Amino acid sequence: MNISLPEQLKKKIQSRITKGDFSTPSDYVRHLVREDLSKQEEQLELARLIQEGIDSGMSDKTTEQLFSEIRNRIKRKST
């Protein structure tokens, strides 16, 4: 696979290599692809969780009851 980049981007990539952040341009591109794929997975998971919340409907509990339950869960996890 060959990728064409403008000179300005090539210089920025080379700067990252010179600083020791990456050993080759390929290492840098692999890093960016992995980050992008990870971010995409996180976005899909967030969309799934949002839809799960929407599908679950309205709660009969008050906001104060919900926050109280959340605080109690946090306390139990921290002990």
C-alpha atoms as a PDB file:
ATOM      1  CA  MET A   1       0.000   0.000   0.000  1.00  0.00           C
ATOM      2  CA  ASN A   2       1.365   3.390  -0.950  1.00  0.00           C
ATOM      3  CA  ILE A   3       0.122   6.638   0.534  1.00  0.00           C
ATOM      4  CA  SER A   4       0.763  10.056  -0.951  1.00  0.00           C
ATOM      5  CA  LEU A   5       1.090  12.931   1.482  1.00  0.00           C
ATOM      6  CA  PRO A   6       1.695  16.641   1.034  1.00  0.00           C
ATOM      7  CA  GLU A   7       5.185  17.810   1.910  1.00  0.00           C
ATOM      8  CA  GLN A   8       3.969  19.599   5.050  1.00  0.00           C
ATOM      9  CA  LEU A   9       2.561  16.361   6.501  1.00  0.00           C
ATOM     10  CA  LYS A  10       5.711  14.457   5.577  1.00  0.00           C
ATOM     11  CA  LYS A  11       7.735  17.012   7.544  1.00  0.00           C
ATOM     12  CA  LYS A  12       5.481  16.656  10.580  1.00  0.00           C
ATOM     13  CA  ILE A  13       5.775  12.863  10.459  1.00  0.00           C
ATOM     14  CA  GLN A  14       9.543  13.099  10.121  1.00  0.00           C
ATOM     15  CA  SER A  15       9.597  15.445  13.113  1.00  0.00           C
ATOM     16  CA  ARG A  16       7.845  12.799  15.233  1.00  0.00           C
ATOM     17  CA  ILE A  17      10.408  10.232  14.113  1.00  0.00           C
ATOM     18  CA  THR A  18      13.312  12.576  14.830  1.00  0.00           C
ATOM     19  CA  LYS A  19      11.939  13.204  18.339  1.00  0.00           C
ATOM     20  CA  GLY A  20      11.963   9.453  18.889  1.00  0.00           C
ATOM     21  CA  ASP A  21       8.202   9.052  19.151  1.00  0.00           C
ATOM     22  CA  PHE A  22       8.208   6.517  16.292  1.00  0.00           C
ATOM     23  CA  SER A  23      10.949   4.629  14.487  1.00  0.00           C
ATOM     24  CA  THR A  24       9.555   4.845  10.949  1.00  0.00           C
ATOM     25  CA  PRO A  25       6.717   6.538   9.057  1.00  0.00           C
ATOM     26  CA  SER A  26       5.042   3.114   8.877  1.00  0.00           C
ATOM     27  CA  ASP A  27       5.108   2.830  12.686  1.00  0.00           C
ATOM     28  CA  TYR A  28       3.421   6.214  12.924  1.00  0.00           C
ATOM     29  CA  VAL A  29       0.713   5.303  10.387  1.00  0.00           C
ATOM     30  CA  ARG A  30       0.063   1.977  12.146  1.00  0.00           C
ATOM     31  CA  HIS A  31      -0.317   3.866  15.421  1.00  0.00           C
ATOM     32  CA  LEU A  32      -2.838   6.252  13.835  1.00  0.00           C
ATOM     33  CA  VAL A  33      -4.836   3.398  12.307  1.00  0.00           C
ATOM     34  CA  ARG A  34      -4.971   1.551  15.649  1.00  0.00           C
ATOM     35  CA  GLU A  35      -6.122   4.741  17.416  1.00  0.00           C
ATOM     36  CA  ASP A  36      -8.802   5.324  14.794  1.00  0.00           C
ATOM     37  CA  LEU A  37     -10.094   1.756  15.047  1.00  0.00           C
ATOM     38  CA  SER A  38     -10.144   1.939  18.840  1.00  0.00           C
ATOM     39  CA  LYS A  39     -12.018   5.242  18.761  1.00  0.00           C
ATOM     40  CA  GLN A  40     -14.540   3.771  16.322  1.00  0.00           C
ATOM     41  CA  GLU A  41     -15.148   0.812  18.659  1.00  0.00           C
ATOM     42  CA  GLU A  42     -15.659   3.204  21.586  1.00  0.00           C
ATOM     43  CA  GLN A  43     -18.145   5.269  19.569  1.00  0.00           C
ATOM     44  CA  LEU A  44     -20.095   2.150  18.585  1.00  0.00           C
ATOM     45  CA  GLU A  45     -20.204   1.014  22.216  1.00  0.00           C
ATOM     46  CA  LEU A  46     -21.391   4.456  23.338  1.00  0.00           C
ATOM     47  CA  ALA A  47     -24.122   4.442  20.666  1.00  0.00           C
ATOM     48  CA  ARG A  48     -25.166   0.970  21.839  1.00  0.00           C
ATOM     49  CA  LEU A  49     -25.344   2.110  25.465  1.00  0.00           C
ATOM     50  CA  ILE A  50     -27.333   5.211  24.545  1.00  0.00           C
ATOM     51  CA  GLN A  51     -29.799   3.098  22.586  1.00  0.00           C
ATOM     52  CA  GLU A  52     -30.028   0.662  25.490  1.00  0.00           C
ATOM     53  CA  GLY A  53     -30.917   3.580  27.762  1.00  0.00           C
ATOM     54  CA  ILE A  54     -33.539   4.867  25.335  1.00  0.00           C
ATOM     55  CA  ASP A  55     -35.037   1.400  24.934  1.00  0.00           C
ATOM     56  CA  SER A  56     -35.244   0.884  28.702  1.00  0.00           C
ATOM     57  CA  GLY A  57     -37.916   3.580  29.000  1.00  0.00           C
ATOM     58  CA  MET A  58     -38.588   6.046  31.767  1.00  0.00           C
ATOM     59  CA  SER A  59     -37.762   5.270  35.381  1.00  0.00           C
ATOM     60  CA  ASP A  60     -40.285   5.473  38.216  1.00  0.00           C
ATOM     61  CA  LYS A  61     -37.527   6.726  40.515  1.00  0.00           C
ATOM     62  CA  THR A  62     -36.805  10.358  41.261  1.00  0.00           C
ATOM     63  CA  THR A  63     -33.528  11.950  40.266  1.00  0.00           C
ATOM     64  CA  GLU A  64     -32.500  12.032  43.927  1.00  0.00           C
ATOM     65  CA  GLN A  65     -33.199   8.301  44.286  1.00  0.00           C
ATOM     66  CA  LEU A  66     -31.116   7.525  41.206  1.00  0.00           C
ATOM     67  CA  PHE A  67     -28.181   9.650  42.386  1.00  0.00           C
ATOM     68  CA  SER A  68     -28.403   8.113  45.846  1.00  0.00           C
ATOM     69  CA  GLU A  69     -28.146   4.627  44.311  1.00  0.00           C
ATOM     70  CA  ILE A  70     -25.173   5.707  42.211  1.00  0.00           C
ATOM     71  CA  ARG A  71     -23.399   7.184  45.254  1.00  0.00           C
ATOM     72  CA  ASN A  72     -24.027   3.962  47.200  1.00  0.00           C
ATOM     73  CA  ARG A  73     -22.631   1.836  44.345  1.00  0.00           C
ATOM     74  CA  ILE A  74     -19.511   4.012  44.207  1.00  0.00           C
ATOM     75  CA  LYS A  75     -19.038   3.720  47.978  1.00  0.00           C
ATOM     76  CA  ARG A  76     -19.359  -0.084  47.819  1.00  0.00           C
ATOM     77  CA  LYS A  77     -16.820  -0.324  44.992  1.00  0.00           C
ATOM     78  CA  SER A  78     -14.293   1.876  46.791  1.00  0.00           C
ATOM     79  CA  THR A  79     -14.334  -0.230  49.972  1.00  0.00           C
END
